């Protein structure tokens, strides 16, 4: 995804996180306009990470990504104030 985004927006600054806990840290540092967050990550789900980041310091516009969106994941995304869910 990183390479594809850089071809679309060469000047983009891209941050990556290995798991949900790192995602909270990246989101709370600030400076992001948009974040693509995987809903299923180790240590902490993507939705839980976004909820925690918003509780701490707010967060950018969130687009969740997942392999198989379903009604339960859509409910989780809404609870985390996600903008959209994209299928991988």
PDB file of N, CA and C in Angstrom:
ATOM      1  N   UNK A   1       0.826  -1.184   0.000  1.00  0.00           N
ATOM      2  CA  UNK A   1       0.000   0.000   0.000  1.00  0.00           C
ATOM      3  C   UNK A   1       0.876   1.255   0.000  1.00  0.00           C
ATOM      4  N   UNK A   2       1.988   1.219   0.743  1.00  0.00           N
ATOM      5  CA  UNK A   2       2.882   2.371   0.830  1.00  0.00           C
ATOM      6  C   UNK A   2       3.337   2.822  -0.560  1.00  0.00           C
ATOM      7  N   UNK A   3       3.823   1.876  -1.359  1.00  0.00           N
ATOM      8  CA  UNK A   3       4.327   2.206  -2.697  1.00  0.00           C
ATOM      9  C   UNK A   3       3.224   2.798  -3.566  1.00  0.00           C
ATOM     10  N   UNK A   4       2.046   2.232  -3.479  1.00  0.00           N
ATOM     11  CA  UNK A   4       0.929   2.735  -4.280  1.00  0.00           C
ATOM     12  C   UNK A   4       0.560   4.164  -3.869  1.00  0.00           C
ATOM     13  N   UNK A   5       0.496   4.414  -2.571  1.00  0.00           N
ATOM     14  CA  UNK A   5       0.168   5.766  -2.104  1.00  0.00           C
ATOM     15  C   UNK A   5       1.217   6.781  -2.549  1.00  0.00           C
ATOM     16  N   UNK A   6       2.482   6.383  -2.511  1.00  0.00           N
ATOM     17  CA  UNK A   6       3.539   7.309  -2.930  1.00  0.00           C
ATOM     18  C   UNK A   6       3.505   7.595  -4.426  1.00  0.00           C
ATOM     19  N   UNK A   7       3.014   6.655  -5.233  1.00  0.00           N
ATOM     20  CA  UNK A   7       2.875   6.961  -6.655  1.00  0.00           C
ATOM     21  C   UNK A   7       1.743   7.954  -6.881  1.00  0.00           C
ATOM     22  N   UNK A   8       0.714   7.879  -6.045  1.00  0.00           N
ATOM     23  CA  UNK A   8      -0.406   8.818  -6.159  1.00  0.00           C
ATOM     24  C   UNK A   8      -0.067  10.187  -5.579  1.00  0.00           C
ATOM     25  N   UNK A   9       0.637  10.191  -4.445  1.00  0.00           N
ATOM     26  CA  UNK A   9       0.991  11.423  -3.741  1.00  0.00           C
ATOM     27  C   UNK A   9       2.459  11.381  -3.367  1.00  0.00           C
ATOM     28  N   UNK A  10       3.359  11.736  -4.287  1.00  0.00           N
ATOM     29  CA  UNK A  10       4.795  11.617  -4.042  1.00  0.00           C
ATOM     30  C   UNK A  10       5.296  12.394  -2.824  1.00  0.00           C
ATOM     31  N   UNK A  11       4.618  13.452  -2.452  1.00  0.00           N
ATOM     32  CA  UNK A  11       5.065  14.253  -1.310  1.00  0.00           C
ATOM     33  C   UNK A  11       4.462  13.784   0.019  1.00  0.00           C
ATOM     34  N   UNK A  12       3.692  12.714  -0.014  1.00  0.00           N
ATOM     35  CA  UNK A  12       3.029  12.233   1.204  1.00  0.00           C
ATOM     36  C   UNK A  12       4.048  11.782   2.247  1.00  0.00           C
ATOM     37  N   UNK A  13       3.740  12.056   3.482  1.00  0.00           N
ATOM     38  CA  UNK A  13       4.525  11.536   4.601  1.00  0.00           C
ATOM     39  C   UNK A  13       3.749  10.340   5.133  1.00  0.00           C
ATOM     40  N   UNK A  14       4.368   9.175   5.095  1.00  0.00           N
ATOM     41  CA  UNK A  14       3.676   7.947   5.477  1.00  0.00           C
ATOM     42  C   UNK A  14       4.302   7.382   6.744  1.00  0.00           C
ATOM     43  N   UNK A  15       3.461   7.135   7.726  1.00  0.00           N
ATOM     44  CA  UNK A  15       3.875   6.517   8.988  1.00  0.00           C
ATOM     45  C   UNK A  15       3.312   5.100   8.996  1.00  0.00           C
ATOM     46  N   UNK A  16       4.036   4.171   9.585  1.00  0.00           N
ATOM     47  CA  UNK A  16       3.552   2.797   9.682  1.00  0.00           C
ATOM     48  C   UNK A  16       3.633   2.327  11.123  1.00  0.00           C
ATOM     49  N   UNK A  17       2.745   1.398  11.463  1.00  0.00           N
ATOM     50  CA  UNK A  17       2.732   0.807  12.805  1.00  0.00           C
ATOM     51  C   UNK A  17       2.597  -0.706  12.654  1.00  0.00           C
ATOM     52  N   UNK A  18       3.313  -1.440  13.499  1.00  0.00           N
ATOM     53  CA  UNK A  18       3.318  -2.898  13.417  1.00  0.00           C
ATOM     54  C   UNK A  18       2.130  -3.540  14.117  1.00  0.00           C
ATOM     55  N   UNK A  19       1.530  -2.819  15.056  1.00  0.00           N
ATOM     56  CA  UNK A  19       0.417  -3.385  15.802  1.00  0.00           C
ATOM     57  C   UNK A  19      -0.463  -2.260  16.340  1.00  0.00           C
ATOM     58  N   UNK A  20      -1.522  -2.641  17.040  1.00  0.00           N
ATOM     59  CA  UNK A  20      -2.473  -1.650  17.533  1.00  0.00           C
ATOM     60  C   UNK A  20      -1.883  -0.670  18.529  1.00  0.00           C
ATOM     61  N   UNK A  21      -0.990  -1.135  19.392  1.00  0.00           N
ATOM     62  CA  UNK A  21      -0.365  -0.226  20.371  1.00  0.00           C
ATOM     63  C   UNK A  21       0.474   0.835  19.673  1.00  0.00           C
ATOM     64  N   UNK A  22       1.246   0.432  18.668  1.00  0.00           N
ATOM     65  CA  UNK A  22       2.028   1.407  17.900  1.00  0.00           C
ATOM     66  C   UNK A  22       1.115   2.358  17.139  1.00  0.00           C
ATOM     67  N   UNK A  23      -0.013   1.853  16.688  1.00  0.00           N
ATOM     68  CA  UNK A  23      -0.976   2.700  15.981  1.00  0.00           C
ATOM     69  C   UNK A  23      -1.461   3.837  16.877  1.00  0.00           C
ATOM     70  N   UNK A  24      -1.745   3.541  18.136  1.00  0.00           N
ATOM     71  CA  UNK A  24      -2.157   4.586  19.081  1.00  0.00           C
ATOM     72  C   UNK A  24      -1.079   5.657  19.161  1.00  0.00           C
ATOM     73  N   UNK A  25       0.174   5.242  19.271  1.00  0.00           N
ATOM     74  CA  UNK A  25       1.279   6.211  19.377  1.00  0.00           C
ATOM     75  C   UNK A  25       1.406   7.063  18.124  1.00  0.00           C
ATOM     76  N   UNK A  26       1.311   6.439  16.965  1.00  0.00           N
ATOM     77  CA  UNK A  26       1.409   7.183  15.700  1.00  0.00           C
ATOM     78  C   UNK A  26       0.264   8.187  15.585  1.00  0.00           C
ATOM     79  N   UNK A  27      -0.950   7.757  15.901  1.00  0.00           N
ATOM     80  CA  UNK A  27      -2.108   8.642  15.772  1.00  0.00           C
ATOM     81  C   UNK A  27      -2.071   9.791  16.768  1.00  0.00           C
ATOM     82  N   UNK A  28      -1.554   9.566  17.959  1.00  0.00           N
ATOM     83  CA  UNK A  28      -1.562  10.628  18.972  1.00  0.00           C
ATOM     84  C   UNK A  28      -0.392  11.598  18.831  1.00  0.00           C
ATOM     85  N   UNK A  29       0.606  11.256  18.026  1.00  0.00           N
ATOM     86  CA  UNK A  29       1.713  12.207  17.787  1.00  0.00           C
ATOM     87  C   UNK A  29       1.234  13.437  17.030  1.00  0.00           C
ATOM     88  N   UNK A  30       0.195  13.251  16.245  1.00  0.00           N
ATOM     89  CA  UNK A  30      -0.338  14.379  15.484  1.00  0.00           C
ATOM     90  C   UNK A  30       0.346  14.535  14.147  1.00  0.00           C
ATOM     91  N   UNK A  31      -0.131  15.507  13.389  1.00  0.00           N
ATOM     92  CA  UNK A  31       0.466  15.815  12.099  1.00  0.00           C
ATOM     93  C   UNK A  31      -0.097  15.017  10.934  1.00  0.00           C
ATOM     94  N   UNK A  32      -1.013  14.096  11.192  1.00  0.00           N
ATOM     95  CA  UNK A  32      -1.594  13.297  10.115  1.00  0.00           C
ATOM     96  C   UNK A  32      -2.937  13.887   9.690  1.00  0.00           C
ATOM     97  N   UNK A  33      -3.199  13.852   8.400  1.00  0.00           N
ATOM     98  CA  UNK A  33      -4.490  14.290   7.875  1.00  0.00           C
ATOM     99  C   UNK A  33      -5.431  13.112   7.639  1.00  0.00           C
ATOM    100  N   UNK A  34      -4.843  11.953   7.356  1.00  0.00           N
ATOM    101  CA  UNK A  34      -5.598  10.768   6.989  1.00  0.00           C
ATOM    102  C   UNK A  34      -4.837   9.546   7.473  1.00  0.00           C
ATOM    103  N   UNK A  35      -5.568   8.549   7.953  1.00  0.00           N
ATOM    104  CA  UNK A  35      -4.923   7.304   8.371  1.00  0.00           C
ATOM    105  C   UNK A  35      -5.712   6.114   7.846  1.00  0.00           C
ATOM    106  N   UNK A  36      -4.993   5.165   7.260  1.00  0.00           N
ATOM    107  CA  UNK A  36      -5.554   3.880   6.890  1.00  0.00           C
ATOM    108  C   UNK A  36      -5.187   2.932   8.017  1.00  0.00           C
ATOM    109  N   UNK A  37      -6.179   2.348   8.658  1.00  0.00           N
ATOM    110  CA  UNK A  37      -5.940   1.505   9.825  1.00  0.00           C
ATOM    111  C   UNK A  37      -6.571   0.138   9.601  1.00  0.00           C
ATOM    112  N   UNK A  38      -5.747  -0.906   9.718  1.00  0.00           N
ATOM    113  CA  UNK A  38      -6.253  -2.272   9.608  1.00  0.00           C
ATOM    114  C   UNK A  38      -7.113  -2.571  10.833  1.00  0.00           C
ATOM    115  N   UNK A  39      -8.261  -3.163  10.621  1.00  0.00           N
ATOM    116  CA  UNK A  39      -9.157  -3.448  11.741  1.00  0.00           C
ATOM    117  C   UNK A  39      -8.663  -4.599  12.599  1.00  0.00           C
ATOM    118  N   UNK A  40      -7.909  -5.516  12.027  1.00  0.00           N
ATOM    119  CA  UNK A  40      -7.406  -6.681  12.760  1.00  0.00           C
ATOM    120  C   UNK A  40      -5.886  -6.595  12.834  1.00  0.00           C
ATOM    121  N   UNK A  41      -5.388  -6.250  14.010  1.00  0.00           N
ATOM    122  CA  UNK A  41      -3.945  -6.142  14.232  1.00  0.00           C
ATOM    123  C   UNK A  41      -3.586  -6.834  15.538  1.00  0.00           C
ATOM    124  N   UNK A  42      -2.312  -7.219  15.688  1.00  0.00           N
ATOM    125  CA  UNK A  42      -1.884  -7.810  16.956  1.00  0.00           C
ATOM    126  C   UNK A  42      -1.935  -6.798  18.100  1.00  0.00           C
ATOM    127  N   UNK A  43      -2.045  -7.310  19.305  1.00  0.00           N
ATOM    128  CA  UNK A  43      -1.982  -6.564  20.561  1.00  0.00           C
ATOM    129  C   UNK A  43      -3.191  -5.685  20.843  1.00  0.00           C
ATOM    130  N   UNK A  44      -3.792  -5.089  19.828  1.00  0.00           N
ATOM    131  CA  UNK A  44      -4.940  -4.211  20.013  1.00  0.00           C
ATOM    132  C   UNK A  44      -5.591  -4.045  18.643  1.00  0.00           C
ATOM    133  N   UNK A  45      -6.893  -4.214  18.561  1.00  0.00           N
ATOM    134  CA  UNK A  45      -7.546  -4.082  17.254  1.00  0.00           C
ATOM    135  C   UNK A  45      -7.419  -2.651  16.737  1.00  0.00           C
ATOM    136  N   UNK A  46      -7.577  -2.504  15.435  1.00  0.00           N
ATOM    137  CA  UNK A  46      -7.513  -1.173  14.841  1.00  0.00           C
ATOM    138  C   UNK A  46      -8.582  -0.245  15.376  1.00  0.00           C
ATOM    139  N   UNK A  47      -9.787  -0.767  15.572  1.00  0.00           N
ATOM    140  CA  UNK A  47     -10.859   0.082  16.092  1.00  0.00           C
ATOM    141  C   UNK A  47     -10.573   0.494  17.533  1.00  0.00           C
ATOM    142  N   UNK A  48     -10.078  -0.433  18.352  1.00  0.00           N
ATOM    143  CA  UNK A  48      -9.730  -0.083  19.737  1.00  0.00           C
ATOM    144  C   UNK A  48      -8.591   0.940  19.761  1.00  0.00           C
ATOM    145  N   UNK A  49      -7.636   0.810  18.841  1.00  0.00           N
ATOM    146  CA  UNK A  49      -6.526   1.768  18.771  1.00  0.00           C
ATOM    147  C   UNK A  49      -7.033   3.164  18.430  1.00  0.00           C
ATOM    148  N   UNK A  50      -7.952   3.244  17.475  1.00  0.00           N
ATOM    149  CA  UNK A  50      -8.498   4.552  17.087  1.00  0.00           C
ATOM    150  C   UNK A  50      -9.298   5.161  18.238  1.00  0.00           C
ATOM    151  N   UNK A  51     -10.108   4.357  18.903  1.00  0.00           N
ATOM    152  CA  UNK A  51     -10.880   4.863  20.047  1.00  0.00           C
ATOM    153  C   UNK A  51      -9.940   5.389  21.126  1.00  0.00           C
ATOM    154  N   UNK A  52      -8.870   4.657  21.411  1.00  0.00           N
ATOM    155  CA  UNK A  52      -7.902   5.106  22.419  1.00  0.00           C
ATOM    156  C   UNK A  52      -7.199   6.388  21.979  1.00  0.00           C
ATOM    157  N   UNK A  53      -6.811   6.458  20.709  1.00  0.00           N
ATOM    158  CA  UNK A  53      -6.140   7.670  20.207  1.00  0.00           C
ATOM    159  C   UNK A  53      -7.075   8.872  20.284  1.00  0.00           C
ATOM    160  N   UNK A  54      -8.318   8.691  19.932  1.00  0.00           N
ATOM    161  CA  UNK A  54      -9.286   9.801  20.004  1.00  0.00           C
ATOM    162  C   UNK A  54      -9.498  10.236  21.457  1.00  0.00           C
ATOM    163  N   UNK A  55      -9.505   9.278  22.371  1.00  0.00           N
ATOM    164  CA  UNK A  55      -9.674   9.600  23.790  1.00  0.00           C
ATOM    165  C   UNK A  55      -8.489  10.435  24.296  1.00  0.00           C
ATOM    166  N   UNK A  56      -7.298  10.097  23.839  1.00  0.00           N
ATOM    167  CA  UNK A  56      -6.088  10.788  24.297  1.00  0.00           C
ATOM    168  C   UNK A  56      -5.908  12.163  23.663  1.00  0.00           C
ATOM    169  N   UNK A  57      -6.035  12.216  22.354  1.00  0.00           N
ATOM    170  CA  UNK A  57      -5.641  13.455  21.680  1.00  0.00           C
ATOM    171  C   UNK A  57      -6.376  13.739  20.389  1.00  0.00           C
ATOM    172  N   UNK A  58      -7.404  12.999  20.114  1.00  0.00           N
ATOM    173  CA  UNK A  58      -8.036  13.151  18.808  1.00  0.00           C
ATOM    174  C   UNK A  58      -7.241  12.366  17.784  1.00  0.00           C
ATOM    175  N   UNK A  59      -7.720  12.309  16.578  1.00  0.00           N
ATOM    176  CA  UNK A  59      -6.995  11.610  15.517  1.00  0.00           C
ATOM    177  C   UNK A  59      -7.512  12.108  14.171  1.00  0.00           C
ATOM    178  N   UNK A  60      -6.764  11.795  13.108  1.00  0.00           N
ATOM    179  CA  UNK A  60      -7.167  12.269  11.779  1.00  0.00           C
ATOM    180  C   UNK A  60      -8.371  11.502  11.243  1.00  0.00           C
ATOM    181  N   UNK A  61      -8.758  11.824  10.049  1.00  0.00           N
ATOM    182  CA  UNK A  61      -9.787  11.074   9.341  1.00  0.00           C
ATOM    183  C   UNK A  61      -9.295   9.630   9.216  1.00  0.00           C
ATOM    184  N   UNK A  62     -10.152   8.675   9.573  1.00  0.00           N
ATOM    185  CA  UNK A  62      -9.764   7.263   9.586  1.00  0.00           C
ATOM    186  C   UNK A  62     -10.509   6.489   8.512  1.00  0.00           C
ATOM    187  N   UNK A  63      -9.756   5.752   7.713  1.00  0.00           N
ATOM    188  CA  UNK A  63     -10.317   4.790   6.784  1.00  0.00           C
ATOM    189  C   UNK A  63      -9.823   3.425   7.246  1.00  0.00           C
ATOM    190  N   UNK A  64     -10.764   2.575   7.619  1.00  0.00           N
ATOM    191  CA  UNK A  64     -10.405   1.237   8.064  1.00  0.00           C
ATOM    192  C   UNK A  64     -10.265   0.319   6.863  1.00  0.00           C
ATOM    193  N   UNK A  65      -9.337  -0.635   6.972  1.00  0.00           N
ATOM    194  CA  UNK A  65      -9.190  -1.662   5.946  1.00  0.00           C
ATOM    195  C   UNK A  65      -9.315  -3.030   6.615  1.00  0.00           C
ATOM    196  N   UNK A  66      -9.888  -3.970   5.879  1.00  0.00           N
ATOM    197  CA  UNK A  66     -10.066  -5.321   6.399  1.00  0.00           C
ATOM    198  C   UNK A  66     -10.220  -6.296   5.241  1.00  0.00           C
ATOM    199  N   UNK A  67      -9.962  -7.560   5.519  1.00  0.00           N
ATOM    200  CA  UNK A  67     -10.090  -8.574   4.474  1.00  0.00           C
ATOM    201  C   UNK A  67     -11.535  -8.897   4.144  1.00  0.00           C
ATOM    202  N   UNK A  68     -12.380  -8.938   5.161  1.00  0.00           N
ATOM    203  CA  UNK A  68     -13.766  -9.349   4.938  1.00  0.00           C
ATOM    204  C   UNK A  68     -14.712  -8.513   5.791  1.00  0.00           C
ATOM    205  N   UNK A  69     -15.135  -7.369   5.272  1.00  0.00           N
ATOM    206  CA  UNK A  69     -16.058  -6.543   6.053  1.00  0.00           C
ATOM    207  C   UNK A  69     -17.390  -7.260   6.276  1.00  0.00           C
ATOM    208  N   UNK A  70     -17.925  -7.120   7.465  1.00  0.00           N
ATOM    209  CA  UNK A  70     -19.243  -7.667   7.761  1.00  0.00           C
ATOM    210  C   UNK A  70     -19.965  -6.679   8.671  1.00  0.00           C
ATOM    211  N   UNK A  71     -21.195  -6.987   9.043  1.00  0.00           N
ATOM    212  CA  UNK A  71     -21.984  -6.033   9.830  1.00  0.00           C
ATOM    213  C   UNK A  71     -21.352  -5.755  11.196  1.00  0.00           C
ATOM    214  N   UNK A  72     -20.710  -6.757  11.797  1.00  0.00           N
ATOM    215  CA  UNK A  72     -20.056  -6.543  13.091  1.00  0.00           C
ATOM    216  C   UNK A  72     -18.893  -5.557  12.963  1.00  0.00           C
ATOM    217  N   UNK A  73     -18.071  -5.727  11.920  1.00  0.00           N
ATOM    218  CA  UNK A  73     -16.957  -4.797  11.699  1.00  0.00           C
ATOM    219  C   UNK A  73     -17.458  -3.400  11.348  1.00  0.00           C
ATOM    220  N   UNK A  74     -18.552  -3.327  10.601  1.00  0.00           N
ATOM    221  CA  UNK A  74     -19.124  -2.022  10.280  1.00  0.00           C
ATOM    222  C   UNK A  74     -19.591  -1.316  11.544  1.00  0.00           C
ATOM    223  N   UNK A  75     -20.187  -2.060  12.481  1.00  0.00           N
ATOM    224  CA  UNK A  75     -20.589  -1.476  13.762  1.00  0.00           C
ATOM    225  C   UNK A  75     -19.384  -0.986  14.545  1.00  0.00           C
ATOM    226  N   UNK A  76     -18.303  -1.779  14.550  1.00  0.00           N
ATOM    227  CA  UNK A  76     -17.072  -1.375  15.240  1.00  0.00           C
ATOM    228  C   UNK A  76     -16.506  -0.096  14.626  1.00  0.00           C
ATOM    229  N   UNK A  77     -16.509  -0.026  13.308  1.00  0.00           N
ATOM    230  CA  UNK A  77     -15.974   1.156  12.622  1.00  0.00           C
ATOM    231  C   UNK A  77     -16.794   2.396  12.949  1.00  0.00           C
ATOM    232  N   UNK A  78     -18.100   2.257  12.986  1.00  0.00           N
ATOM    233  CA  UNK A  78     -18.958   3.396  13.346  1.00  0.00           C
ATOM    234  C   UNK A  78     -18.695   3.838  14.785  1.00  0.00           C
ATOM    235  N   UNK A  79     -18.529   2.868  15.690  1.00  0.00           N
ATOM    236  CA  UNK A  79     -18.260   3.198  17.092  1.00  0.00           C
ATOM    237  C   UNK A  79     -16.949   3.949  17.250  1.00  0.00           C
ATOM    238  N   UNK A  80     -15.998   3.675  16.360  1.00  0.00           N
ATOM    239  CA  UNK A  80     -14.698   4.361  16.400  1.00  0.00           C
ATOM    240  C   UNK A  80     -14.700   5.629  15.545  1.00  0.00           C
ATOM    241  N   UNK A  81     -15.859   5.999  15.004  1.00  0.00           N
ATOM    242  CA  UNK A  81     -16.000   7.186  14.153  1.00  0.00           C
ATOM    243  C   UNK A  81     -15.137   7.094  12.895  1.00  0.00           C
ATOM    244  N   UNK A  82     -15.093   5.878  12.317  1.00  0.00           N
ATOM    245  CA  UNK A  82     -14.360   5.690  11.061  1.00  0.00           C
ATOM    246  C   UNK A  82     -15.135   6.283   9.906  1.00  0.00           C
ATOM    247  N   UNK A  83     -14.415   6.789   8.941  1.00  0.00           N
ATOM    248  CA  UNK A  83     -15.040   7.417   7.770  1.00  0.00           C
ATOM    249  C   UNK A  83     -15.547   6.361   6.793  1.00  0.00           C
ATOM    250  N   UNK A  84     -14.774   5.298   6.598  1.00  0.00           N
ATOM    251  CA  UNK A  84     -15.099   4.297   5.582  1.00  0.00           C
ATOM    252  C   UNK A  84     -14.390   2.995   5.939  1.00  0.00           C
ATOM    253  N   UNK A  85     -14.878   1.892   5.370  1.00  0.00           N
ATOM    254  CA  UNK A  85     -14.200   0.594   5.445  1.00  0.00           C
ATOM    255  C   UNK A  85     -13.895   0.169   4.018  1.00  0.00           C
ATOM    256  N   UNK A  86     -12.641  -0.156   3.761  1.00  0.00           N
ATOM    257  CA  UNK A  86     -12.236  -0.667   2.453  1.00  0.00           C
ATOM    258  C   UNK A  86     -11.832  -2.122   2.594  1.00  0.00           C
ATOM    259  N   UNK A  87     -12.179  -2.923   1.604  1.00  0.00           N
ATOM    260  CA  UNK A  87     -11.767  -4.314   1.607  1.00  0.00           C
ATOM    261  C   UNK A  87     -10.385  -4.425   0.970  1.00  0.00           C
ATOM    262  N   UNK A  88      -9.509  -5.213   1.607  1.00  0.00           N
ATOM    263  CA  UNK A  88      -8.151  -5.430   1.060  1.00  0.00           C
ATOM    264  C   UNK A  88      -8.241  -6.179  -0.242  1.00  0.00           C
TER     265      UNK A  88
END
